[in-house]
Amino acid sequence: MGNIAYHLHQNPQHHVEIILHIDETLGESRRGDLVDALEEMDGIKSAEFCPLRYHLMLVNYDRDVLSSQEVLTGVVSQNIHAELIGPV
């Protein structure tokens, strides 16, 4: 058997995906800005809005680096009202 090489994310077992409810109706540009701001935070692997449900956001983060409350704070710091719904 040959060796298979692939990239392993650092500590993938420590990644958690949560759902956030965004209170405001955000346009495409503002949603993109929020995703960019979150993905720049240390510990966030990905952030995306649910297709056709732009009031829901999925955020995948490393629980060893951030807490869910810190992720929520990252959203609120962008002058957006949001609530943590919970893990996926």
N, C-alpha and C. Protein backbone atom coordinates (compact mmCIF):
# COMPACT_ATOMS: atom_id res chain seq x y z
N MET A 1 0.84 -1.18 0.00
CA MET A 1 0.00 0.00 0.00
C MET A 1 0.87 1.24 0.00
N GLY A 2 0.48 2.21 -0.77
CA GLY A 2 1.22 3.46 -0.83
C GLY A 2 0.85 4.39 0.31
N ASN A 3 1.70 5.33 0.55
CA ASN A 3 1.41 6.34 1.58
C ASN A 3 0.48 7.39 1.01
N ILE A 4 -0.44 7.83 1.83
CA ILE A 4 -1.35 8.89 1.43
C ILE A 4 -0.99 10.12 2.24
N ALA A 5 -0.73 11.20 1.55
CA ALA A 5 -0.39 12.45 2.23
C ALA A 5 -1.57 13.39 2.15
N TYR A 6 -1.95 13.96 3.27
CA TYR A 6 -3.00 14.95 3.29
C TYR A 6 -2.78 15.87 4.48
N HIS A 7 -3.38 17.05 4.38
CA HIS A 7 -3.21 18.06 5.41
C HIS A 7 -4.17 17.79 6.56
N LEU A 8 -3.64 17.73 7.75
CA LEU A 8 -4.47 17.61 8.94
C LEU A 8 -4.59 18.97 9.59
N HIS A 9 -5.81 19.39 9.92
CA HIS A 9 -5.97 20.63 10.65
C HIS A 9 -5.42 20.42 12.05
N GLN A 10 -4.83 21.45 12.58
CA GLN A 10 -4.28 21.36 13.92
C GLN A 10 -5.40 21.10 14.92
N ASN A 11 -5.31 19.98 15.62
CA ASN A 11 -6.28 19.57 16.64
C ASN A 11 -7.73 19.64 16.16
N PRO A 12 -8.10 18.94 15.09
CA PRO A 12 -9.48 19.04 14.60
C PRO A 12 -10.50 18.57 15.62
N GLN A 13 -10.11 17.71 16.56
CA GLN A 13 -11.05 17.23 17.56
C GLN A 13 -11.45 18.33 18.55
N HIS A 14 -10.75 19.45 18.52
CA HIS A 14 -11.05 20.56 19.41
C HIS A 14 -11.90 21.62 18.73
N HIS A 15 -12.30 21.37 17.49
CA HIS A 15 -13.11 22.34 16.75
C HIS A 15 -14.58 22.10 17.07
N VAL A 16 -15.29 23.20 17.25
CA VAL A 16 -16.71 23.17 17.57
C VAL A 16 -17.42 24.07 16.57
N GLU A 17 -18.61 23.69 16.15
CA GLU A 17 -19.39 24.54 15.26
C GLU A 17 -20.62 25.01 16.02
N ILE A 18 -20.84 26.31 16.00
CA ILE A 18 -21.99 26.89 16.69
C ILE A 18 -22.85 27.66 15.69
N ILE A 19 -24.08 27.91 16.11
CA ILE A 19 -25.02 28.70 15.31
C ILE A 19 -25.29 30.00 16.06
N LEU A 20 -25.19 31.10 15.34
CA LEU A 20 -25.53 32.42 15.88
C LEU A 20 -26.74 32.96 15.14
N HIS A 21 -27.64 33.60 15.88
CA HIS A 21 -28.78 34.28 15.26
C HIS A 21 -28.43 35.76 15.15
N ILE A 22 -28.46 36.28 13.94
CA ILE A 22 -28.18 37.69 13.67
C ILE A 22 -29.51 38.44 13.63
N ASP A 23 -29.65 39.45 14.48
CA ASP A 23 -30.94 40.14 14.60
C ASP A 23 -31.24 41.07 13.43
N GLU A 24 -30.22 41.76 12.92
CA GLU A 24 -30.44 42.69 11.83
C GLU A 24 -30.50 41.96 10.48
N THR A 25 -31.15 42.61 9.53
CA THR A 25 -31.10 42.13 8.16
C THR A 25 -29.89 42.78 7.51
N LEU A 26 -28.90 41.96 7.17
CA LEU A 26 -27.65 42.47 6.61
C LEU A 26 -27.61 42.24 5.11
N GLY A 27 -27.13 43.21 4.39
CA GLY A 27 -26.94 43.06 2.95
C GLY A 27 -25.74 42.17 2.68
N GLU A 28 -25.57 41.81 1.43
CA GLU A 28 -24.48 40.90 1.04
C GLU A 28 -23.11 41.45 1.42
N SER A 29 -22.90 42.73 1.21
CA SER A 29 -21.61 43.34 1.52
C SER A 29 -21.33 43.29 3.02
N ARG A 30 -22.32 43.62 3.82
CA ARG A 30 -22.15 43.62 5.29
C ARG A 30 -21.94 42.20 5.81
N ARG A 31 -22.65 41.22 5.22
CA ARG A 31 -22.43 39.82 5.61
C ARG A 31 -21.00 39.41 5.30
N GLY A 32 -20.50 39.81 4.13
CA GLY A 32 -19.12 39.49 3.75
C GLY A 32 -18.11 40.12 4.69
N ASP A 33 -18.38 41.37 5.10
CA ASP A 33 -17.49 42.05 6.05
C ASP A 33 -17.46 41.32 7.39
N LEU A 34 -18.62 40.85 7.84
CA LEU A 34 -18.68 40.14 9.11
C LEU A 34 -17.93 38.81 9.03
N VAL A 35 -18.12 38.08 7.96
CA VAL A 35 -17.40 36.81 7.77
C VAL A 35 -15.89 37.08 7.78
N ASP A 36 -15.46 38.09 7.04
CA ASP A 36 -14.02 38.42 7.00
C ASP A 36 -13.49 38.77 8.38
N ALA A 37 -14.24 39.58 9.13
CA ALA A 37 -13.79 39.99 10.46
C ALA A 37 -13.67 38.78 11.39
N LEU A 38 -14.63 37.88 11.33
CA LEU A 38 -14.57 36.70 12.19
C LEU A 38 -13.42 35.78 11.80
N GLU A 39 -13.25 35.56 10.50
CA GLU A 39 -12.20 34.64 10.05
C GLU A 39 -10.80 35.19 10.32
N GLU A 40 -10.70 36.48 10.60
CA GLU A 40 -9.41 37.05 10.99
C GLU A 40 -9.09 36.82 12.46
N MET A 41 -10.09 36.43 13.24
CA MET A 41 -9.87 36.17 14.67
C MET A 41 -9.09 34.87 14.84
N ASP A 42 -8.10 34.91 15.71
CA ASP A 42 -7.32 33.72 16.01
C ASP A 42 -8.24 32.66 16.62
N GLY A 43 -8.22 31.47 16.06
CA GLY A 43 -9.02 30.37 16.57
C GLY A 43 -10.25 30.05 15.76
N ILE A 44 -10.67 30.98 14.88
CA ILE A 44 -11.85 30.71 14.05
C ILE A 44 -11.39 30.08 12.75
N LYS A 45 -11.92 28.89 12.50
CA LYS A 45 -11.58 28.15 11.28
C LYS A 45 -12.41 28.65 10.10
N SER A 46 -13.71 28.83 10.32
CA SER A 46 -14.58 29.29 9.23
C SER A 46 -15.83 29.96 9.82
N ALA A 47 -16.41 30.83 9.03
CA ALA A 47 -17.66 31.50 9.37
C ALA A 47 -18.45 31.66 8.08
N GLU A 48 -19.73 31.35 8.14
CA GLU A 48 -20.56 31.46 6.94
C GLU A 48 -22.02 31.62 7.33
N PHE A 49 -22.76 32.28 6.46
CA PHE A 49 -24.20 32.40 6.65
C PHE A 49 -24.88 31.22 5.99
N CYS A 50 -25.98 30.79 6.58
CA CYS A 50 -26.76 29.70 6.00
C CYS A 50 -27.44 30.21 4.73
N PRO A 51 -27.33 29.47 3.63
CA PRO A 51 -27.98 29.90 2.39
C PRO A 51 -29.49 30.06 2.59
N LEU A 52 -30.02 31.18 2.14
CA LEU A 52 -31.44 31.54 2.20
C LEU A 52 -31.94 31.76 3.62
N ARG A 53 -31.08 31.67 4.59
CA ARG A 53 -31.42 31.97 5.99
C ARG A 53 -30.31 32.87 6.53
N TYR A 54 -30.28 34.09 6.01
CA TYR A 54 -29.17 34.99 6.30
C TYR A 54 -29.18 35.52 7.73
N HIS A 55 -30.15 35.13 8.52
CA HIS A 55 -30.16 35.51 9.92
C HIS A 55 -29.44 34.47 10.78
N LEU A 56 -29.01 33.35 10.16
CA LEU A 56 -28.29 32.30 10.88
C LEU A 56 -26.87 32.20 10.35
N MET A 57 -25.93 32.10 11.28
CA MET A 57 -24.53 32.03 10.92
C MET A 57 -23.89 30.82 11.59
N LEU A 58 -23.11 30.07 10.82
CA LEU A 58 -22.35 28.93 11.36
C LEU A 58 -20.91 29.37 11.54
N VAL A 59 -20.37 29.12 12.72
CA VAL A 59 -18.99 29.48 13.00
C VAL A 59 -18.28 28.25 13.56
N ASN A 60 -17.19 27.87 12.92
CA ASN A 60 -16.37 26.74 13.35
C ASN A 60 -15.12 27.33 14.00
N TYR A 61 -14.87 26.96 15.26
CA TYR A 61 -13.74 27.54 15.98
C TYR A 61 -13.06 26.49 16.84
N ASP A 62 -11.86 26.81 17.28
CA ASP A 62 -11.07 25.94 18.14
C ASP A 62 -11.38 26.29 19.59
N ARG A 63 -11.99 25.37 20.30
CA ARG A 63 -12.40 25.65 21.69
C ARG A 63 -11.22 25.80 22.64
N ASP A 64 -10.03 25.41 22.21
CA ASP A 64 -8.85 25.62 23.04
C ASP A 64 -8.34 27.06 22.94
N VAL A 65 -8.81 27.77 21.92
CA VAL A 65 -8.36 29.15 21.70
C VAL A 65 -9.45 30.15 22.09
N LEU A 66 -10.70 29.84 21.79
CA LEU A 66 -11.82 30.74 22.02
C LEU A 66 -12.96 30.00 22.74
N SER A 67 -13.81 30.78 23.38
CA SER A 67 -15.06 30.24 23.91
C SER A 67 -16.19 30.72 22.99
N SER A 68 -17.35 30.13 23.13
CA SER A 68 -18.49 30.56 22.31
C SER A 68 -18.84 32.01 22.62
N GLN A 69 -18.68 32.43 23.87
CA GLN A 69 -18.96 33.82 24.23
C GLN A 69 -18.00 34.79 23.56
N GLU A 70 -16.75 34.37 23.38
CA GLU A 70 -15.78 35.22 22.68
C GLU A 70 -16.11 35.32 21.20
N VAL A 71 -16.63 34.25 20.62
CA VAL A 71 -17.08 34.31 19.23
C VAL A 71 -18.23 35.29 19.12
N LEU A 72 -19.19 35.19 20.02
CA LEU A 72 -20.33 36.11 20.04
C LEU A 72 -19.86 37.55 20.21
N THR A 73 -18.90 37.77 21.08
CA THR A 73 -18.33 39.10 21.28
C THR A 73 -17.71 39.63 19.99
N GLY A 74 -17.10 38.73 19.21
CA GLY A 74 -16.54 39.13 17.92
C GLY A 74 -17.59 39.66 16.97
N VAL A 75 -18.79 39.09 17.02
CA VAL A 75 -19.89 39.57 16.19
C VAL A 75 -20.39 40.91 16.71
N VAL A 76 -20.63 40.97 18.01
CA VAL A 76 -21.17 42.18 18.63
C VAL A 76 -20.20 43.36 18.46
N SER A 77 -18.91 43.08 18.44
CA SER A 77 -17.92 44.15 18.26
C SER A 77 -18.01 44.78 16.88
N GLN A 78 -18.72 44.14 15.97
CA GLN A 78 -18.94 44.69 14.62
C GLN A 78 -20.24 45.49 14.56
N ASN A 79 -20.77 45.87 15.74
CA ASN A 79 -22.02 46.62 15.86
C ASN A 79 -23.21 45.87 15.27
N ILE A 80 -23.24 44.58 15.55
CA ILE A 80 -24.33 43.71 15.10
C ILE A 80 -24.90 43.03 16.33
N HIS A 81 -26.21 43.02 16.44
CA HIS A 81 -26.88 42.34 17.54
C HIS A 81 -27.06 40.87 17.17
N ALA A 82 -26.67 40.00 18.10
CA ALA A 82 -26.75 38.57 17.82
C ALA A 82 -26.89 37.79 19.12
N GLU A 83 -27.38 36.57 18.99
CA GLU A 83 -27.49 35.65 20.12
C GLU A 83 -26.89 34.31 19.74
N LEU A 84 -26.34 33.66 20.72
CA LEU A 84 -25.82 32.33 20.54
C LEU A 84 -26.98 31.34 20.64
N ILE A 85 -27.18 30.54 19.61
CA ILE A 85 -28.23 29.53 19.65
C ILE A 85 -27.68 28.25 20.27
N GLY A 86 -26.50 27.84 19.85
CA GLY A 86 -25.90 26.66 20.45
C GLY A 86 -25.04 25.90 19.45
N PRO A 87 -24.52 24.75 19.90
CA PRO A 87 -23.67 23.93 19.01
C PRO A 87 -24.51 23.24 17.94
N VAL A 88 -23.86 22.89 16.85
CA VAL A 88 -24.54 22.18 15.77
C VAL A 88 -24.68 20.73 16.15
